Amino acid sequence: MLGEKTPPEILQSEVFCRSRKFSFDINRYRLPHGAIAQMGCIRHPGGALAVPVTQDGQLILVRQYRFAAEQALLEFPAGTVEVHEPPEATIRRELEEEAGYRGHQWRSLGEFYVAPGYSDEIIYAFLATALEKLDNPPPQDDDEDIQAVLMTPTALENAILQGQVVDAKTISSFFLARPFLT
């Protein structure tokens, strides 16, 4: 069973750097076999993502510039979970802000780590249906310039397989949602 090994003992923990949405910790551990290791970890509050499906079966994605990737990526709407905020509230807000839609039916698709080798970030994925296009959506965050894009599930799958969609949370969530798409 996953996760049943004895965890390492934390000998020292230091917040090396803190930013608006995450921190970078450097920790010294004693591993179960006795070796001492120093490892860094990005501590992140988690994110919530929607796989929004229109009445006619199209998926709503967003195109936005990602500074770390130095390019615009095509992704499902998503956002960082705020302190004391349930992921369900995060994604309802983000779908309205980023895509201009309100979801009236929601289904959890599960949760997963984005990059457990160096981050504790978990994505909470949801299927959003019974969508309402908003006449006056809330404004995007100041650091966002996002455009909504409609795609069929087949077109998205082809874009993934051709390397045109490279965002891991979008790819993972698409395949989690696939059984519910027509």
N, C-alpha and C. Protein backbone atom coordinates (compact mmCIF):
# COMPACT_ATOMS: atom_id res chain seq x y z
N MET A 1 0.84 -1.18 0.00
CA MET A 1 0.00 0.00 0.00
C MET A 1 0.89 1.24 0.00
N LEU A 2 0.49 2.25 -0.75
CA LEU A 2 1.27 3.48 -0.84
C LEU A 2 1.28 4.23 0.48
N GLY A 3 2.41 4.86 0.78
CA GLY A 3 2.50 5.74 1.92
C GLY A 3 2.64 5.07 3.27
N GLU A 4 2.91 3.76 3.33
CA GLU A 4 2.95 3.07 4.62
C GLU A 4 4.36 2.89 5.16
N LYS A 5 5.38 3.41 4.48
CA LYS A 5 6.74 3.32 4.98
C LYS A 5 6.92 4.28 6.15
N THR A 6 7.92 4.01 6.97
CA THR A 6 8.25 4.90 8.07
C THR A 6 8.74 6.23 7.50
N PRO A 7 8.15 7.35 7.93
CA PRO A 7 8.60 8.64 7.40
C PRO A 7 9.95 9.04 7.98
N PRO A 8 10.71 9.86 7.26
CA PRO A 8 11.98 10.35 7.79
C PRO A 8 11.73 11.26 9.01
N GLU A 9 12.73 11.35 9.88
CA GLU A 9 12.67 12.24 11.04
C GLU A 9 13.19 13.61 10.62
N ILE A 10 12.43 14.66 10.89
CA ILE A 10 12.87 16.02 10.57
C ILE A 10 13.81 16.49 11.67
N LEU A 11 15.03 16.82 11.28
CA LEU A 11 16.04 17.29 12.24
C LEU A 11 16.07 18.81 12.33
N GLN A 12 15.83 19.46 11.19
CA GLN A 12 15.87 20.93 11.14
C GLN A 12 15.00 21.38 9.97
N SER A 13 14.26 22.46 10.18
CA SER A 13 13.39 22.98 9.14
C SER A 13 13.56 24.50 9.08
N GLU A 14 13.73 25.02 7.87
CA GLU A 14 13.93 26.45 7.69
C GLU A 14 13.13 26.93 6.48
N VAL A 15 12.38 28.02 6.65
CA VAL A 15 11.73 28.66 5.52
C VAL A 15 12.79 29.51 4.84
N PHE A 16 13.21 29.08 3.67
CA PHE A 16 14.28 29.75 2.94
C PHE A 16 13.78 31.01 2.25
N CYS A 17 12.58 30.91 1.68
CA CYS A 17 12.02 32.03 0.91
C CYS A 17 10.50 31.95 0.99
N ARG A 18 9.85 33.11 1.09
CA ARG A 18 8.39 33.14 1.12
C ARG A 18 7.92 34.13 0.06
N SER A 19 6.93 33.72 -0.73
CA SER A 19 6.34 34.61 -1.72
C SER A 19 4.85 34.75 -1.42
N ARG A 20 4.15 35.42 -2.31
CA ARG A 20 2.72 35.67 -2.10
C ARG A 20 1.90 34.39 -2.01
N LYS A 21 2.24 33.38 -2.81
CA LYS A 21 1.40 32.19 -2.85
C LYS A 21 2.06 30.93 -2.30
N PHE A 22 3.35 30.93 -2.07
CA PHE A 22 4.00 29.72 -1.57
C PHE A 22 5.29 30.07 -0.85
N SER A 23 5.86 29.05 -0.18
CA SER A 23 7.16 29.22 0.45
C SER A 23 8.06 28.08 -0.02
N PHE A 24 9.36 28.28 0.17
CA PHE A 24 10.34 27.25 -0.16
C PHE A 24 11.06 26.91 1.13
N ASP A 25 10.89 25.68 1.59
CA ASP A 25 11.50 25.21 2.83
C ASP A 25 12.70 24.34 2.52
N ILE A 26 13.72 24.43 3.37
CA ILE A 26 14.86 23.52 3.29
C ILE A 26 14.90 22.76 4.61
N ASN A 27 14.86 21.45 4.51
CA ASN A 27 14.80 20.61 5.70
C ASN A 27 15.93 19.59 5.71
N ARG A 28 16.41 19.29 6.91
CA ARG A 28 17.37 18.20 7.10
C ARG A 28 16.60 17.03 7.71
N TYR A 29 16.78 15.86 7.15
CA TYR A 29 16.06 14.66 7.57
C TYR A 29 17.04 13.55 7.94
N ARG A 30 16.60 12.71 8.87
CA ARG A 30 17.27 11.42 9.08
C ARG A 30 16.34 10.39 8.43
N LEU A 31 16.84 9.75 7.40
CA LEU A 31 16.06 8.75 6.68
C LEU A 31 15.96 7.47 7.51
N PRO A 32 14.97 6.62 7.25
CA PRO A 32 14.78 5.41 8.05
C PRO A 32 16.02 4.51 8.14
N HIS A 33 16.85 4.51 7.12
CA HIS A 33 18.06 3.67 7.16
C HIS A 33 19.26 4.39 7.79
N GLY A 34 19.03 5.64 8.35
CA GLY A 34 20.05 6.33 9.12
C GLY A 34 20.77 7.46 8.41
N ALA A 35 20.72 7.52 7.10
CA ALA A 35 21.41 8.57 6.36
C ALA A 35 20.75 9.93 6.63
N ILE A 36 21.55 10.99 6.57
CA ILE A 36 21.06 12.36 6.73
C ILE A 36 20.94 12.97 5.33
N ALA A 37 19.84 13.63 5.07
CA ALA A 37 19.60 14.25 3.76
C ALA A 37 19.07 15.65 3.95
N GLN A 38 19.43 16.52 3.03
CA GLN A 38 18.87 17.88 3.00
C GLN A 38 18.02 17.98 1.74
N MET A 39 16.77 18.41 1.90
CA MET A 39 15.85 18.48 0.77
C MET A 39 15.05 19.78 0.83
N GLY A 40 14.79 20.32 -0.34
CA GLY A 40 13.95 21.50 -0.45
C GLY A 40 12.55 21.11 -0.85
N CYS A 41 11.58 21.93 -0.45
CA CYS A 41 10.19 21.65 -0.78
C CYS A 41 9.43 22.96 -0.95
N ILE A 42 8.69 23.05 -2.02
CA ILE A 42 7.78 24.18 -2.20
C ILE A 42 6.51 23.85 -1.44
N ARG A 43 6.15 24.71 -0.49
CA ARG A 43 4.93 24.55 0.29
C ARG A 43 3.86 25.44 -0.33
N HIS A 44 2.79 24.82 -0.75
CA HIS A 44 1.74 25.52 -1.50
C HIS A 44 0.39 25.17 -0.88
N PRO A 45 -0.53 26.14 -0.78
CA PRO A 45 -1.83 25.85 -0.15
C PRO A 45 -2.76 24.97 -0.98
N GLY A 46 -2.39 24.67 -2.21
CA GLY A 46 -3.21 23.83 -3.06
C GLY A 46 -3.97 24.65 -4.08
N GLY A 47 -4.49 23.98 -5.06
CA GLY A 47 -5.25 24.64 -6.10
C GLY A 47 -6.52 23.89 -6.40
N ALA A 48 -7.46 24.58 -7.01
CA ALA A 48 -8.71 23.96 -7.44
C ALA A 48 -8.86 24.20 -8.93
N LEU A 49 -9.39 23.23 -9.64
CA LEU A 49 -9.51 23.27 -11.09
C LEU A 49 -10.89 22.81 -11.50
N ALA A 50 -11.43 23.42 -12.55
CA ALA A 50 -12.71 23.00 -13.12
C ALA A 50 -12.50 22.47 -14.53
N VAL A 51 -13.19 21.38 -14.82
CA VAL A 51 -13.37 20.91 -16.19
C VAL A 51 -14.79 21.35 -16.55
N PRO A 52 -14.93 22.55 -17.14
CA PRO A 52 -16.26 23.07 -17.44
C PRO A 52 -16.77 22.52 -18.78
N VAL A 53 -18.01 22.04 -18.76
CA VAL A 53 -18.62 21.45 -19.96
C VAL A 53 -19.89 22.22 -20.28
N THR A 54 -19.96 22.76 -21.49
CA THR A 54 -21.14 23.51 -21.92
C THR A 54 -22.29 22.54 -22.23
N GLN A 55 -23.46 23.13 -22.42
CA GLN A 55 -24.66 22.34 -22.71
C GLN A 55 -24.48 21.48 -23.96
N ASP A 56 -23.72 21.98 -24.96
CA ASP A 56 -23.51 21.22 -26.19
C ASP A 56 -22.24 20.36 -26.15
N GLY A 57 -21.67 20.15 -24.95
CA GLY A 57 -20.57 19.22 -24.79
C GLY A 57 -19.18 19.77 -25.05
N GLN A 58 -19.06 21.07 -25.23
CA GLN A 58 -17.73 21.65 -25.43
C GLN A 58 -17.08 21.92 -24.07
N LEU A 59 -15.76 21.90 -24.07
CA LEU A 59 -14.98 22.19 -22.87
C LEU A 59 -14.50 23.62 -22.92
N ILE A 60 -14.49 24.28 -21.77
CA ILE A 60 -13.99 25.64 -21.69
C ILE A 60 -12.59 25.60 -21.08
N LEU A 61 -11.63 26.08 -21.86
CA LEU A 61 -10.27 26.21 -21.37
C LEU A 61 -9.92 27.68 -21.37
N VAL A 62 -8.78 28.02 -20.79
CA VAL A 62 -8.30 29.40 -20.81
C VAL A 62 -6.87 29.41 -21.33
N ARG A 63 -6.56 30.45 -22.07
CA ARG A 63 -5.20 30.66 -22.55
C ARG A 63 -4.62 31.80 -21.72
N GLN A 64 -3.49 31.52 -21.07
CA GLN A 64 -2.85 32.57 -20.28
C GLN A 64 -1.34 32.40 -20.29
N TYR A 65 -0.67 33.53 -20.17
CA TYR A 65 0.79 33.51 -20.14
C TYR A 65 1.25 33.01 -18.78
N ARG A 66 2.18 32.06 -18.82
CA ARG A 66 2.75 31.51 -17.59
C ARG A 66 4.22 31.89 -17.54
N PHE A 67 4.58 32.69 -16.53
CA PHE A 67 5.92 33.24 -16.45
C PHE A 67 6.99 32.16 -16.31
N ALA A 68 6.74 31.13 -15.53
CA ALA A 68 7.73 30.06 -15.36
C ALA A 68 7.98 29.33 -16.68
N ALA A 69 6.94 29.12 -17.47
CA ALA A 69 7.06 28.43 -18.76
C ALA A 69 7.48 29.39 -19.88
N GLU A 70 7.38 30.67 -19.63
CA GLU A 70 7.71 31.73 -20.60
C GLU A 70 6.92 31.58 -21.91
N GLN A 71 5.64 31.22 -21.75
CA GLN A 71 4.76 31.11 -22.91
C GLN A 71 3.30 31.05 -22.44
N ALA A 72 2.41 31.30 -23.38
CA ALA A 72 0.98 31.16 -23.09
C ALA A 72 0.64 29.68 -23.16
N LEU A 73 -0.12 29.21 -22.16
CA LEU A 73 -0.53 27.81 -22.12
C LEU A 73 -2.05 27.73 -22.17
N LEU A 74 -2.53 26.64 -22.71
CA LEU A 74 -3.96 26.35 -22.74
C LEU A 74 -4.24 25.41 -21.56
N GLU A 75 -5.14 25.85 -20.66
CA GLU A 75 -5.40 25.12 -19.42
C GLU A 75 -6.88 25.18 -19.07
N PHE A 76 -7.29 24.29 -18.18
CA PHE A 76 -8.61 24.44 -17.58
C PHE A 76 -8.53 25.56 -16.56
N PRO A 77 -9.63 26.27 -16.30
CA PRO A 77 -9.63 27.31 -15.27
C PRO A 77 -9.23 26.72 -13.92
N ALA A 78 -8.39 27.45 -13.20
CA ALA A 78 -7.90 26.97 -11.91
C ALA A 78 -7.41 28.15 -11.08
N GLY A 79 -7.23 27.91 -9.81
CA GLY A 79 -6.71 28.96 -8.95
C GLY A 79 -6.23 28.42 -7.62
N THR A 80 -5.46 29.24 -6.92
CA THR A 80 -4.91 28.88 -5.63
C THR A 80 -5.98 28.95 -4.55
N VAL A 81 -6.03 27.94 -3.72
CA VAL A 81 -6.95 27.92 -2.59
C VAL A 81 -6.47 28.94 -1.56
N GLU A 82 -7.34 29.85 -1.19
CA GLU A 82 -6.99 30.87 -0.19
C GLU A 82 -7.06 30.27 1.21
N VAL A 83 -6.43 30.92 2.17
CA VAL A 83 -6.42 30.46 3.57
C VAL A 83 -7.86 30.32 4.06
N HIS A 84 -8.17 29.19 4.67
CA HIS A 84 -9.48 28.88 5.25
C HIS A 84 -10.60 28.83 4.21
N GLU A 85 -10.26 28.63 2.94
CA GLU A 85 -11.28 28.57 1.88
C GLU A 85 -11.38 27.13 1.38
N PRO A 86 -12.58 26.58 1.31
CA PRO A 86 -12.69 25.23 0.73
C PRO A 86 -12.42 25.28 -0.78
N PRO A 87 -11.80 24.23 -1.32
CA PRO A 87 -11.51 24.21 -2.76
C PRO A 87 -12.74 24.44 -3.63
N GLU A 88 -13.91 24.00 -3.17
CA GLU A 88 -15.14 24.19 -3.94
C GLU A 88 -15.44 25.68 -4.12
N ALA A 89 -15.19 26.48 -3.10
CA ALA A 89 -15.41 27.93 -3.20
C ALA A 89 -14.37 28.57 -4.12
N THR A 90 -13.14 28.09 -4.03
CA THR A 90 -12.07 28.61 -4.90
C THR A 90 -12.44 28.44 -6.35
N ILE A 91 -12.84 27.24 -6.74
CA ILE A 91 -13.04 26.99 -8.17
C ILE A 91 -14.32 27.65 -8.68
N ARG A 92 -15.31 27.80 -7.86
CA ARG A 92 -16.51 28.54 -8.29
C ARG A 92 -16.13 29.98 -8.64
N ARG A 93 -15.33 30.61 -7.79
CA ARG A 93 -14.87 31.99 -8.02
C ARG A 93 -13.98 32.06 -9.27
N GLU A 94 -13.05 31.14 -9.39
CA GLU A 94 -12.10 31.17 -10.50
C GLU A 94 -12.78 30.93 -11.85
N LEU A 95 -13.77 30.05 -11.90
CA LEU A 95 -14.48 29.82 -13.15
C LEU A 95 -15.16 31.10 -13.61
N GLU A 96 -15.75 31.83 -12.69
CA GLU A 96 -16.39 33.10 -13.04
C GLU A 96 -15.37 34.13 -13.49
N GLU A 97 -14.28 34.28 -12.74
CA GLU A 97 -13.27 35.29 -13.06
C GLU A 97 -12.52 34.98 -14.36
N GLU A 98 -12.08 33.74 -14.51
CA GLU A 98 -11.22 33.39 -15.63
C GLU A 98 -11.97 33.12 -16.92
N ALA A 99 -13.11 32.46 -16.82
CA ALA A 99 -13.82 32.04 -18.04
C ALA A 99 -15.13 32.79 -18.27
N GLY A 100 -15.65 33.45 -17.23
CA GLY A 100 -16.90 34.18 -17.38
C GLY A 100 -18.14 33.30 -17.34
N TYR A 101 -18.03 32.15 -16.66
CA TYR A 101 -19.16 31.22 -16.55
C TYR A 101 -19.40 30.88 -15.09
N ARG A 102 -20.65 30.57 -14.77
CA ARG A 102 -21.03 30.07 -13.45
C ARG A 102 -21.51 28.63 -13.63
N GLY A 103 -20.96 27.74 -12.82
CA GLY A 103 -21.39 26.35 -12.84
C GLY A 103 -22.50 26.13 -11.83
N HIS A 104 -23.55 25.42 -12.24
CA HIS A 104 -24.67 25.14 -11.33
C HIS A 104 -24.68 23.69 -10.85
N GLN A 105 -23.90 22.83 -11.51
CA GLN A 105 -23.76 21.45 -11.05
C GLN A 105 -22.27 21.13 -10.99
N TRP A 106 -21.86 20.55 -9.86
CA TRP A 106 -20.45 20.27 -9.61
C TRP A 106 -20.28 18.82 -9.17
N ARG A 107 -19.20 18.22 -9.63
CA ARG A 107 -18.87 16.84 -9.25
C ARG A 107 -17.37 16.78 -8.99
N SER A 108 -16.98 16.23 -7.86
CA SER A 108 -15.56 16.07 -7.56
C SER A 108 -14.98 14.98 -8.48
N LEU A 109 -13.82 15.30 -9.05
CA LEU A 109 -13.10 14.32 -9.87
C LEU A 109 -11.93 13.71 -9.11
N GLY A 110 -11.69 14.20 -7.90
CA GLY A 110 -10.58 13.70 -7.09
C GLY A 110 -9.53 14.76 -6.89
N GLU A 111 -8.43 14.33 -6.34
CA GLU A 111 -7.32 15.24 -6.06
C GLU A 111 -6.02 14.52 -6.36
N PHE A 112 -4.98 15.31 -6.66
CA PHE A 112 -3.68 14.72 -6.99
C PHE A 112 -2.57 15.73 -6.75
N TYR A 113 -1.38 15.21 -6.49
CA TYR A 113 -0.19 16.05 -6.35
C TYR A 113 0.26 16.48 -7.74
N VAL A 114 0.73 17.70 -7.84
CA VAL A 114 1.22 18.22 -9.12
C VAL A 114 2.64 17.72 -9.38
N ALA A 115 3.52 17.85 -8.40
CA ALA A 115 4.92 17.46 -8.55
C ALA A 115 5.48 17.06 -7.19
N PRO A 116 5.14 15.85 -6.70
CA PRO A 116 5.48 15.48 -5.33
C PRO A 116 6.97 15.31 -5.06
N GLY A 117 7.80 15.38 -6.08
CA GLY A 117 9.24 15.31 -5.87
C GLY A 117 9.80 16.57 -5.24
N TYR A 118 9.07 17.70 -5.38
CA TYR A 118 9.59 18.95 -4.82
C TYR A 118 8.50 19.89 -4.31
N SER A 119 7.24 19.47 -4.33
CA SER A 119 6.16 20.35 -3.89
C SER A 119 5.06 19.54 -3.21
N ASP A 120 4.41 20.18 -2.22
CA ASP A 120 3.27 19.53 -1.57
C ASP A 120 1.94 19.99 -2.15
N GLU A 121 1.96 20.71 -3.27
CA GLU A 121 0.74 21.23 -3.88
C GLU A 121 -0.18 20.10 -4.33
N ILE A 122 -1.44 20.22 -3.93
CA ILE A 122 -2.49 19.28 -4.34
C ILE A 122 -3.49 20.07 -5.17
N ILE A 123 -3.94 19.46 -6.27
CA ILE A 123 -5.01 20.03 -7.09
C ILE A 123 -6.29 19.26 -6.77
N TYR A 124 -7.35 20.02 -6.50
CA TYR A 124 -8.69 19.46 -6.30
C TYR A 124 -9.45 19.70 -7.59
N ALA A 125 -9.78 18.63 -8.31
CA ALA A 125 -10.40 18.75 -9.63
C ALA A 125 -11.91 18.52 -9.55
N PHE A 126 -12.64 19.34 -10.31
CA PHE A 126 -14.10 19.27 -10.32
C PHE A 126 -14.61 19.33 -11.75
N LEU A 127 -15.71 18.64 -12.00
CA LEU A 127 -16.45 18.74 -13.24
C LEU A 127 -17.55 19.78 -13.02
N ALA A 128 -17.62 20.77 -13.89
CA ALA A 128 -18.64 21.82 -13.77
C ALA A 128 -19.58 21.73 -14.97
N THR A 129 -20.88 21.57 -14.70
CA THR A 129 -21.88 21.49 -15.77
C THR A 129 -23.02 22.44 -15.44
N ALA A 130 -24.03 22.42 -16.30
CA ALA A 130 -25.16 23.35 -16.18
C ALA A 130 -24.60 24.77 -16.07
N LEU A 131 -23.80 25.13 -17.06
CA LEU A 131 -23.10 26.41 -17.04
C LEU A 131 -23.98 27.56 -17.50
N GLU A 132 -23.75 28.70 -16.89
CA GLU A 132 -24.42 29.95 -17.26
C GLU A 132 -23.34 30.95 -17.65
N LYS A 133 -23.43 31.48 -18.88
CA LYS A 133 -22.48 32.51 -19.31
C LYS A 133 -22.88 33.82 -18.64
N LEU A 134 -21.92 34.45 -17.97
CA LEU A 134 -22.19 35.67 -17.22
C LEU A 134 -22.11 36.89 -18.12
N ASP A 135 -23.10 37.78 -18.01
CA ASP A 135 -23.07 39.04 -18.77
C ASP A 135 -21.98 39.96 -18.26
N ASN A 136 -21.78 39.99 -16.95
CA ASN A 136 -20.77 40.84 -16.33
C ASN A 136 -19.93 40.02 -15.35
N PRO A 137 -18.96 39.26 -15.88
CA PRO A 137 -18.15 38.45 -14.97
C PRO A 137 -17.28 39.32 -14.07
N PRO A 138 -16.86 38.79 -12.93
CA PRO A 138 -15.96 39.54 -12.04
C PRO A 138 -14.65 39.83 -12.78
N PRO A 139 -13.96 40.89 -12.38
CA PRO A 139 -12.69 41.20 -13.05
C PRO A 139 -11.63 40.15 -12.75
N GLN A 140 -10.73 39.96 -13.72
CA GLN A 140 -9.59 39.07 -13.51
C GLN A 140 -8.63 39.74 -12.53
N ASP A 141 -7.75 38.94 -11.93
CA ASP A 141 -6.72 39.50 -11.07
C ASP A 141 -5.82 40.42 -11.89
N ASP A 142 -5.17 41.36 -11.22
CA ASP A 142 -4.32 42.33 -11.91
C ASP A 142 -3.19 41.68 -12.71
N ASP A 143 -2.71 40.52 -12.27
CA ASP A 143 -1.59 39.88 -12.95
C ASP A 143 -2.05 38.85 -13.99
N GLU A 144 -3.32 38.91 -14.39
CA GLU A 144 -3.86 37.94 -15.36
C GLU A 144 -4.33 38.65 -16.64
N ASP A 145 -4.13 37.97 -17.75
CA ASP A 145 -4.66 38.37 -19.05
C ASP A 145 -5.10 37.07 -19.72
N ILE A 146 -6.34 36.69 -19.48
CA ILE A 146 -6.82 35.35 -19.82
C ILE A 146 -7.93 35.44 -20.86
N GLN A 147 -7.87 34.51 -21.84
CA GLN A 147 -8.93 34.40 -22.84
C GLN A 147 -9.53 33.00 -22.77
N ALA A 148 -10.85 32.92 -22.77
CA ALA A 148 -11.54 31.63 -22.78
C ALA A 148 -11.50 31.04 -24.19
N VAL A 149 -11.36 29.71 -24.24
CA VAL A 149 -11.29 28.98 -25.51
C VAL A 149 -12.21 27.76 -25.40
N LEU A 150 -13.07 27.54 -26.38
CA LEU A 150 -13.94 26.37 -26.41
C LEU A 150 -13.32 25.29 -27.28
N MET A 151 -13.37 24.04 -26.81
CA MET A 151 -12.85 22.90 -27.57
C MET A 151 -13.75 21.69 -27.33
N THR A 152 -13.85 20.85 -28.31
CA THR A 152 -14.54 19.57 -28.10
C THR A 152 -13.58 18.65 -27.34
N PRO A 153 -14.12 17.65 -26.65
CA PRO A 153 -13.23 16.69 -25.99
C PRO A 153 -12.25 16.02 -26.96
N THR A 154 -12.71 15.70 -28.17
CA THR A 154 -11.82 15.09 -29.16
C THR A 154 -10.71 16.04 -29.56
N ALA A 155 -11.04 17.32 -29.77
CA ALA A 155 -10.02 18.30 -30.14
C ALA A 155 -9.00 18.47 -29.01
N LEU A 156 -9.47 18.48 -27.77
CA LEU A 156 -8.54 18.61 -26.65
C LEU A 156 -7.65 17.37 -26.55
N GLU A 157 -8.22 16.21 -26.68
CA GLU A 157 -7.41 14.99 -26.62
C GLU A 157 -6.35 15.00 -27.71
N ASN A 158 -6.72 15.40 -28.92
CA ASN A 158 -5.74 15.49 -30.01
C ASN A 158 -4.66 16.52 -29.70
N ALA A 159 -5.04 17.66 -29.14
CA ALA A 159 -4.07 18.70 -28.78
C ALA A 159 -3.10 18.19 -27.71
N ILE A 160 -3.60 17.40 -26.77
CA ILE A 160 -2.73 16.80 -25.75
C ILE A 160 -1.75 15.85 -26.41
N LEU A 161 -2.26 14.95 -27.24
CA LEU A 161 -1.41 13.94 -27.87
C LEU A 161 -0.40 14.54 -28.84
N GLN A 162 -0.70 15.71 -29.40
CA GLN A 162 0.22 16.38 -30.32
C GLN A 162 1.17 17.35 -29.60
N GLY A 163 1.08 17.41 -28.27
CA GLY A 163 1.98 18.27 -27.50
C GLY A 163 1.62 19.74 -27.53
N GLN A 164 0.39 20.06 -27.91
CA GLN A 164 -0.06 21.46 -27.95
C GLN A 164 -0.62 21.90 -26.59
N VAL A 165 -1.07 20.96 -25.79
CA VAL A 165 -1.50 21.22 -24.42
C VAL A 165 -0.52 20.46 -23.53
N VAL A 166 0.25 21.21 -22.72
CA VAL A 166 1.33 20.59 -21.95
C VAL A 166 1.20 20.81 -20.45
N ASP A 167 0.09 21.37 -20.00
CA ASP A 167 -0.14 21.62 -18.59
C ASP A 167 -0.58 20.32 -17.91
N ALA A 168 0.19 19.86 -16.93
CA ALA A 168 -0.07 18.57 -16.30
C ALA A 168 -1.42 18.50 -15.60
N LYS A 169 -1.82 19.58 -14.92
CA LYS A 169 -3.10 19.53 -14.20
C LYS A 169 -4.28 19.45 -15.18
N THR A 170 -4.14 20.08 -16.34
CA THR A 170 -5.18 20.01 -17.37
C THR A 170 -5.25 18.61 -17.97
N ILE A 171 -4.11 18.05 -18.29
CA ILE A 171 -4.07 16.71 -18.88
C ILE A 171 -4.64 15.69 -17.89
N SER A 172 -4.19 15.74 -16.65
CA SER A 172 -4.68 14.79 -15.64
C SER A 172 -6.18 14.92 -15.43
N SER A 173 -6.65 16.15 -15.31
CA SER A 173 -8.07 16.37 -15.05
C SER A 173 -8.94 15.98 -16.24
N PHE A 174 -8.43 16.20 -17.44
CA PHE A 174 -9.19 15.78 -18.63
C PHE A 174 -9.43 14.28 -18.59
N PHE A 175 -8.40 13.52 -18.27
CA PHE A 175 -8.58 12.07 -18.25
C PHE A 175 -9.42 11.60 -17.06
N LEU A 176 -9.41 12.35 -15.95
CA LEU A 176 -10.32 12.04 -14.86
C LEU A 176 -11.78 12.31 -15.26
N ALA A 177 -11.99 13.34 -16.07
CA ALA A 177 -13.35 13.73 -16.50
C ALA A 177 -13.83 12.93 -17.68
N ARG A 178 -12.95 12.30 -18.43
CA ARG A 178 -13.30 11.63 -19.70
C ARG A 178 -14.53 10.72 -19.59
N PRO A 179 -14.68 9.93 -18.54
CA PRO A 179 -15.87 9.04 -18.47
C PRO A 179 -17.20 9.80 -18.41
N PHE A 180 -17.16 11.09 -18.02
CA PHE A 180 -18.39 11.87 -17.88
C PHE A 180 -18.68 12.75 -19.09
N LEU A 181 -17.79 12.72 -20.08
CA LEU A 181 -17.96 13.57 -21.27
C LEU A 181 -18.64 12.77 -22.37
N THR A 182 -19.53 13.44 -23.10
CA THR A 182 -20.25 12.73 -24.18
C THR A 182 -19.55 12.92 -25.50
